[in-house]
């Protein structure tokens, strides 16, 4: 009787894997500027893997990404509601720049192995 034993990944391997996933998620959010559905894939991945990131410096990135998604969705809706009175264009423009800032700042901090500031 042979039992296959696969050793658990080391903490360094787990962090490396989570960092790769976090990079992919930032990429999906960036792609959502062209293909909105990729943001849905990204937020689902955030929620599926959020527990794995708990207690690591990457937890702050997951919170940052989740917050970015929900605030962006809120501002998209506010822009859509106010679109008819033309304020929506301004809301969307500001939200667009803010979204790009959040993705860029997060990706740069991730690249430098830095956590995101507490929200």
N, C-alpha and C. Protein backbone atom coordinates (compact mmCIF):
# COMPACT_ATOMS: atom_id res chain seq x y z
N UNK A 1 0.85 -1.17 0.00
CA UNK A 1 0.00 0.00 0.00
C UNK A 1 0.89 1.23 0.00
N UNK A 2 0.76 2.01 -1.03
CA UNK A 2 1.58 3.21 -1.19
C UNK A 2 0.73 4.45 -0.97
N UNK A 3 1.24 5.32 -0.13
CA UNK A 3 0.54 6.58 0.11
C UNK A 3 1.37 7.69 -0.51
N UNK A 4 0.72 8.45 -1.35
CA UNK A 4 1.40 9.60 -1.91
C UNK A 4 1.37 10.72 -0.88
N UNK A 5 2.54 11.22 -0.58
CA UNK A 5 2.62 12.32 0.37
C UNK A 5 3.21 13.53 -0.35
N UNK A 6 2.41 14.54 -0.45
CA UNK A 6 2.87 15.79 -1.06
C UNK A 6 3.08 16.78 0.08
N UNK A 7 4.33 17.20 0.26
CA UNK A 7 4.57 18.13 1.36
C UNK A 7 3.84 19.46 1.15
N UNK A 8 3.44 20.05 2.25
CA UNK A 8 2.78 21.36 2.19
C UNK A 8 3.79 22.38 1.69
N UNK A 9 3.32 23.33 0.92
CA UNK A 9 4.25 24.36 0.44
C UNK A 9 4.82 25.16 1.61
N UNK A 10 6.04 25.60 1.46
CA UNK A 10 6.67 26.41 2.50
C UNK A 10 5.99 27.78 2.54
N UNK A 11 6.14 28.49 3.66
CA UNK A 11 5.54 29.85 3.72
C UNK A 11 6.03 30.74 2.58
N UNK A 12 7.31 30.61 2.21
CA UNK A 12 7.83 31.43 1.10
C UNK A 12 7.14 31.08 -0.22
N UNK A 13 6.89 29.80 -0.43
CA UNK A 13 6.20 29.37 -1.66
C UNK A 13 4.76 29.86 -1.67
N UNK A 14 4.13 29.83 -0.50
CA UNK A 14 2.75 30.32 -0.42
C UNK A 14 2.67 31.81 -0.72
N UNK A 15 3.61 32.57 -0.16
CA UNK A 15 3.64 34.02 -0.42
C UNK A 15 3.91 34.28 -1.90
N UNK A 16 4.85 33.54 -2.48
CA UNK A 16 5.16 33.73 -3.90
C UNK A 16 3.93 33.43 -4.76
N UNK A 17 3.21 32.38 -4.42
CA UNK A 17 2.01 32.03 -5.17
C UNK A 17 0.93 33.10 -5.02
N UNK A 18 0.74 33.59 -3.80
CA UNK A 18 -0.24 34.65 -3.56
C UNK A 18 0.16 35.95 -4.26
N UNK A 19 1.46 36.22 -4.28
CA UNK A 19 1.92 37.44 -4.96
C UNK A 19 1.65 37.34 -6.46
N UNK A 20 1.87 36.16 -7.03
CA UNK A 20 1.57 35.95 -8.45
C UNK A 20 0.08 36.14 -8.71
N UNK A 21 -0.74 35.56 -7.85
CA UNK A 21 -2.19 35.72 -8.00
C UNK A 21 -2.59 37.18 -7.88
N UNK A 22 -2.01 37.89 -6.93
CA UNK A 22 -2.33 39.31 -6.74
C UNK A 22 -1.94 40.10 -7.98
N UNK A 23 -0.83 39.76 -8.59
CA UNK A 23 -0.41 40.40 -9.85
C UNK A 23 -1.43 40.15 -10.94
N UNK A 24 -1.88 38.91 -11.05
CA UNK A 24 -2.89 38.55 -12.05
C UNK A 24 -4.17 39.36 -11.82
N UNK A 25 -4.56 39.48 -10.54
CA UNK A 25 -5.79 40.22 -10.23
C UNK A 25 -5.64 41.69 -10.59
N UNK A 26 -4.49 42.29 -10.30
CA UNK A 26 -4.28 43.68 -10.74
C UNK A 26 -4.38 43.77 -12.26
N UNK A 27 -3.82 42.78 -12.95
CA UNK A 27 -3.91 42.76 -14.41
C UNK A 27 -5.35 42.67 -14.90
N UNK A 28 -6.15 41.85 -14.22
CA UNK A 28 -7.56 41.73 -14.60
C UNK A 28 -8.31 43.04 -14.38
N UNK A 29 -8.00 43.72 -13.28
CA UNK A 29 -8.63 45.03 -13.06
C UNK A 29 -8.19 46.02 -14.14
N UNK A 30 -6.92 46.00 -14.51
CA UNK A 30 -6.46 46.89 -15.57
C UNK A 30 -7.16 46.56 -16.89
N UNK A 31 -7.30 45.28 -17.18
CA UNK A 31 -8.00 44.87 -18.41
C UNK A 31 -9.46 45.29 -18.42
N UNK A 32 -10.03 45.46 -17.23
CA UNK A 32 -11.45 45.83 -17.16
C UNK A 32 -11.70 47.21 -17.76
N UNK A 33 -10.66 47.99 -17.93
CA UNK A 33 -10.82 49.29 -18.60
C UNK A 33 -11.24 49.08 -20.06
N UNK A 34 -10.90 47.91 -20.62
CA UNK A 34 -11.25 47.59 -22.00
C UNK A 34 -12.32 46.50 -22.09
N UNK A 35 -12.27 45.55 -21.15
CA UNK A 35 -13.21 44.43 -21.10
C UNK A 35 -13.76 44.35 -19.68
N UNK A 36 -14.85 45.02 -19.45
CA UNK A 36 -15.40 45.15 -18.10
C UNK A 36 -15.60 43.86 -17.35
N UNK A 37 -15.87 42.78 -18.06
CA UNK A 37 -16.14 41.50 -17.41
C UNK A 37 -14.93 40.99 -16.62
N UNK A 38 -13.74 41.41 -16.98
CA UNK A 38 -12.55 40.93 -16.25
C UNK A 38 -12.55 41.41 -14.80
N UNK A 39 -13.23 42.51 -14.52
CA UNK A 39 -13.34 42.98 -13.13
C UNK A 39 -14.18 42.00 -12.31
N UNK A 40 -15.17 41.38 -12.93
CA UNK A 40 -15.99 40.38 -12.23
C UNK A 40 -15.13 39.17 -11.89
N UNK A 41 -14.31 38.73 -12.83
CA UNK A 41 -13.40 37.61 -12.57
C UNK A 41 -12.45 37.98 -11.44
N UNK A 42 -11.93 39.20 -11.47
CA UNK A 42 -10.98 39.64 -10.44
C UNK A 42 -11.61 39.66 -9.06
N UNK A 43 -12.81 40.20 -8.93
CA UNK A 43 -13.43 40.30 -7.61
C UNK A 43 -13.79 38.92 -7.08
N UNK A 44 -14.19 38.02 -7.96
CA UNK A 44 -14.47 36.64 -7.52
C UNK A 44 -13.18 36.00 -6.99
N UNK A 45 -12.07 36.17 -7.71
CA UNK A 45 -10.79 35.64 -7.24
C UNK A 45 -10.39 36.27 -5.91
N UNK A 46 -10.62 37.58 -5.76
CA UNK A 46 -10.32 38.25 -4.49
C UNK A 46 -11.05 37.58 -3.33
N UNK A 47 -12.33 37.32 -3.52
CA UNK A 47 -13.10 36.74 -2.42
C UNK A 47 -12.76 35.27 -2.19
N UNK A 48 -12.46 34.53 -3.24
CA UNK A 48 -12.10 33.12 -3.08
C UNK A 48 -10.79 32.97 -2.33
N UNK A 49 -9.81 33.81 -2.65
CA UNK A 49 -8.46 33.65 -2.08
C UNK A 49 -8.16 34.59 -0.91
N UNK A 50 -9.12 35.42 -0.53
CA UNK A 50 -8.90 36.39 0.55
C UNK A 50 -8.47 35.72 1.84
N UNK A 51 -9.07 34.61 2.18
CA UNK A 51 -8.73 33.91 3.42
C UNK A 51 -7.27 33.43 3.40
N UNK A 52 -6.78 33.01 2.24
CA UNK A 52 -5.39 32.55 2.12
C UNK A 52 -4.40 33.68 2.39
N UNK A 53 -4.81 34.90 2.12
CA UNK A 53 -3.91 36.05 2.29
C UNK A 53 -3.95 36.61 3.71
N UNK A 54 -4.91 36.18 4.52
CA UNK A 54 -5.03 36.71 5.88
C UNK A 54 -3.74 36.49 6.65
N UNK A 55 -3.33 37.53 7.36
CA UNK A 55 -2.13 37.46 8.19
C UNK A 55 -0.83 37.69 7.44
N UNK A 56 -0.92 37.94 6.13
CA UNK A 56 0.28 38.23 5.33
C UNK A 56 0.23 39.68 4.89
N UNK A 57 1.36 40.17 4.39
CA UNK A 57 1.39 41.54 3.89
C UNK A 57 0.51 41.70 2.64
N UNK A 58 0.17 40.58 2.02
CA UNK A 58 -0.67 40.64 0.82
C UNK A 58 -2.14 40.83 1.16
N UNK A 59 -2.51 40.63 2.41
CA UNK A 59 -3.90 40.86 2.82
C UNK A 59 -4.31 42.30 2.52
N UNK A 60 -3.39 43.23 2.73
CA UNK A 60 -3.71 44.63 2.46
C UNK A 60 -3.98 44.87 0.98
N UNK A 61 -3.31 44.13 0.11
CA UNK A 61 -3.55 44.27 -1.33
C UNK A 61 -4.94 43.74 -1.69
N UNK A 62 -5.32 42.64 -1.07
CA UNK A 62 -6.65 42.10 -1.33
C UNK A 62 -7.72 43.09 -0.88
N UNK A 63 -7.54 43.69 0.30
CA UNK A 63 -8.49 44.70 0.78
C UNK A 63 -8.51 45.90 -0.17
N UNK A 64 -7.34 46.31 -0.62
CA UNK A 64 -7.22 47.44 -1.56
C UNK A 64 -7.97 47.15 -2.85
N UNK A 65 -7.78 45.95 -3.38
CA UNK A 65 -8.42 45.57 -4.63
C UNK A 65 -9.94 45.47 -4.47
N UNK A 66 -10.38 44.86 -3.39
CA UNK A 66 -11.81 44.73 -3.14
C UNK A 66 -12.44 46.11 -2.97
N UNK A 67 -11.79 46.97 -2.20
CA UNK A 67 -12.30 48.34 -2.02
C UNK A 67 -12.35 49.09 -3.35
N UNK A 68 -11.32 48.92 -4.16
CA UNK A 68 -11.28 49.58 -5.46
C UNK A 68 -12.46 49.14 -6.32
N UNK A 69 -12.75 47.85 -6.32
CA UNK A 69 -13.87 47.33 -7.12
C UNK A 69 -15.19 47.96 -6.68
N UNK A 70 -15.48 47.87 -5.37
CA UNK A 70 -16.79 48.32 -4.89
C UNK A 70 -16.97 49.84 -5.00
N UNK A 71 -15.93 50.61 -4.70
CA UNK A 71 -16.03 52.06 -4.86
C UNK A 71 -16.18 52.43 -6.33
N UNK A 72 -15.46 51.74 -7.19
CA UNK A 72 -15.58 52.01 -8.63
C UNK A 72 -16.99 51.70 -9.13
N UNK A 73 -17.55 50.60 -8.66
CA UNK A 73 -18.91 50.25 -9.05
C UNK A 73 -19.89 51.32 -8.57
N UNK A 74 -19.72 51.77 -7.34
CA UNK A 74 -20.58 52.83 -6.81
C UNK A 74 -20.50 54.08 -7.67
N UNK A 75 -19.28 54.52 -8.01
CA UNK A 75 -19.12 55.74 -8.80
C UNK A 75 -19.62 55.56 -10.23
N UNK A 76 -19.52 54.34 -10.75
CA UNK A 76 -20.08 54.07 -12.08
C UNK A 76 -21.60 54.25 -12.05
N UNK A 77 -22.23 53.72 -11.01
CA UNK A 77 -23.69 53.84 -10.88
C UNK A 77 -24.10 55.30 -10.68
N UNK A 78 -23.38 56.00 -9.79
CA UNK A 78 -23.68 57.43 -9.57
C UNK A 78 -23.52 58.20 -10.87
N UNK A 79 -22.47 57.91 -11.63
CA UNK A 79 -22.27 58.56 -12.92
C UNK A 79 -23.40 58.25 -13.89
N UNK A 80 -23.87 57.01 -13.88
CA UNK A 80 -24.96 56.63 -14.78
C UNK A 80 -26.25 57.36 -14.40
N UNK A 81 -26.50 57.46 -13.10
CA UNK A 81 -27.72 58.13 -12.65
C UNK A 81 -27.69 59.62 -12.99
N UNK A 82 -26.53 60.22 -12.86
CA UNK A 82 -26.41 61.68 -13.10
C UNK A 82 -26.00 62.01 -14.54
N UNK A 83 -25.92 61.00 -15.35
CA UNK A 83 -25.52 61.18 -16.75
C UNK A 83 -26.45 62.14 -17.49
N UNK A 84 -27.73 62.04 -17.21
CA UNK A 84 -28.72 62.84 -17.92
C UNK A 84 -28.54 64.34 -17.68
N UNK A 85 -28.00 64.68 -16.51
CA UNK A 85 -27.78 66.11 -16.23
C UNK A 85 -26.31 66.50 -16.45
N UNK A 86 -25.61 65.66 -17.16
CA UNK A 86 -24.23 65.89 -17.60
C UNK A 86 -23.18 65.83 -16.49
N UNK A 87 -23.59 65.79 -15.25
CA UNK A 87 -22.61 65.64 -14.16
C UNK A 87 -21.98 64.24 -14.22
N UNK A 88 -22.73 63.30 -14.75
CA UNK A 88 -22.24 61.93 -14.86
C UNK A 88 -20.91 61.81 -15.59
N UNK A 89 -20.72 62.65 -16.61
CA UNK A 89 -19.45 62.64 -17.35
C UNK A 89 -18.29 63.00 -16.43
N UNK A 90 -18.50 63.98 -15.57
CA UNK A 90 -17.46 64.40 -14.63
C UNK A 90 -17.20 63.30 -13.61
N UNK A 91 -18.28 62.72 -13.09
CA UNK A 91 -18.14 61.63 -12.13
C UNK A 91 -17.35 60.48 -12.75
N UNK A 92 -17.71 60.11 -13.97
CA UNK A 92 -17.01 59.02 -14.64
C UNK A 92 -15.54 59.35 -14.90
N UNK A 93 -15.26 60.58 -15.29
CA UNK A 93 -13.87 60.98 -15.58
C UNK A 93 -13.02 60.91 -14.31
N UNK A 94 -13.55 61.44 -13.22
CA UNK A 94 -12.81 61.41 -11.95
C UNK A 94 -12.64 59.97 -11.49
N UNK A 95 -13.70 59.18 -11.57
CA UNK A 95 -13.64 57.77 -11.15
C UNK A 95 -12.64 56.99 -12.00
N UNK A 96 -12.58 57.29 -13.28
CA UNK A 96 -11.65 56.63 -14.20
C UNK A 96 -10.20 56.90 -13.78
N UNK A 97 -9.88 58.15 -13.52
CA UNK A 97 -8.52 58.52 -13.09
C UNK A 97 -8.21 57.89 -11.74
N UNK A 98 -9.17 57.92 -10.82
CA UNK A 98 -8.99 57.33 -9.49
C UNK A 98 -8.73 55.83 -9.60
N UNK A 99 -9.48 55.14 -10.46
CA UNK A 99 -9.32 53.70 -10.66
C UNK A 99 -7.92 53.39 -11.19
N UNK A 100 -7.47 54.14 -12.17
CA UNK A 100 -6.12 53.93 -12.72
C UNK A 100 -5.07 54.16 -11.64
N UNK A 101 -5.25 55.22 -10.85
CA UNK A 101 -4.33 55.49 -9.74
C UNK A 101 -4.27 54.31 -8.77
N UNK A 102 -5.43 53.78 -8.40
CA UNK A 102 -5.48 52.67 -7.43
C UNK A 102 -4.78 51.42 -7.97
N UNK A 103 -5.00 51.12 -9.23
CA UNK A 103 -4.36 49.94 -9.83
C UNK A 103 -2.85 50.17 -9.91
N UNK A 104 -2.43 51.33 -10.38
CA UNK A 104 -0.99 51.63 -10.51
C UNK A 104 -0.30 51.62 -9.15
N UNK A 105 -0.87 52.29 -8.16
CA UNK A 105 -0.26 52.34 -6.83
C UNK A 105 -0.16 50.94 -6.22
N UNK A 106 -1.22 50.17 -6.35
CA UNK A 106 -1.21 48.81 -5.82
C UNK A 106 -0.17 47.94 -6.49
N UNK A 107 -0.12 48.02 -7.81
CA UNK A 107 0.82 47.20 -8.56
C UNK A 107 2.27 47.59 -8.23
N UNK A 108 2.53 48.88 -8.10
CA UNK A 108 3.88 49.33 -7.76
C UNK A 108 4.28 48.86 -6.35
N UNK A 109 3.37 48.99 -5.38
CA UNK A 109 3.68 48.51 -4.03
C UNK A 109 3.88 47.00 -4.02
N UNK A 110 3.07 46.29 -4.78
CA UNK A 110 3.22 44.84 -4.87
C UNK A 110 4.60 44.49 -5.43
N UNK A 111 4.99 45.18 -6.48
CA UNK A 111 6.30 44.94 -7.10
C UNK A 111 7.45 45.17 -6.11
N UNK A 112 7.24 46.14 -5.19
CA UNK A 112 8.27 46.45 -4.19
C UNK A 112 8.10 45.66 -2.89
N UNK A 113 7.19 44.69 -2.91
CA UNK A 113 6.90 43.87 -1.72
C UNK A 113 6.45 44.70 -0.52
N UNK A 114 5.67 45.74 -0.79
CA UNK A 114 5.16 46.62 0.26
C UNK A 114 3.65 46.40 0.42
N UNK A 115 3.18 46.41 1.65
CA UNK A 115 1.73 46.35 1.85
C UNK A 115 1.08 47.68 1.44
N UNK A 116 -0.20 47.65 1.28
CA UNK A 116 -0.95 48.87 0.97
C UNK A 116 -1.30 49.55 2.30
N UNK A 117 -1.47 50.88 2.27
CA UNK A 117 -1.88 51.57 3.51
C UNK A 117 -3.25 51.08 3.96
N UNK A 118 -3.45 51.07 5.24
CA UNK A 118 -4.74 50.65 5.79
C UNK A 118 -5.80 51.62 5.33
N UNK A 119 -6.93 51.09 4.91
CA UNK A 119 -8.02 51.93 4.38
C UNK A 119 -8.89 52.44 5.49
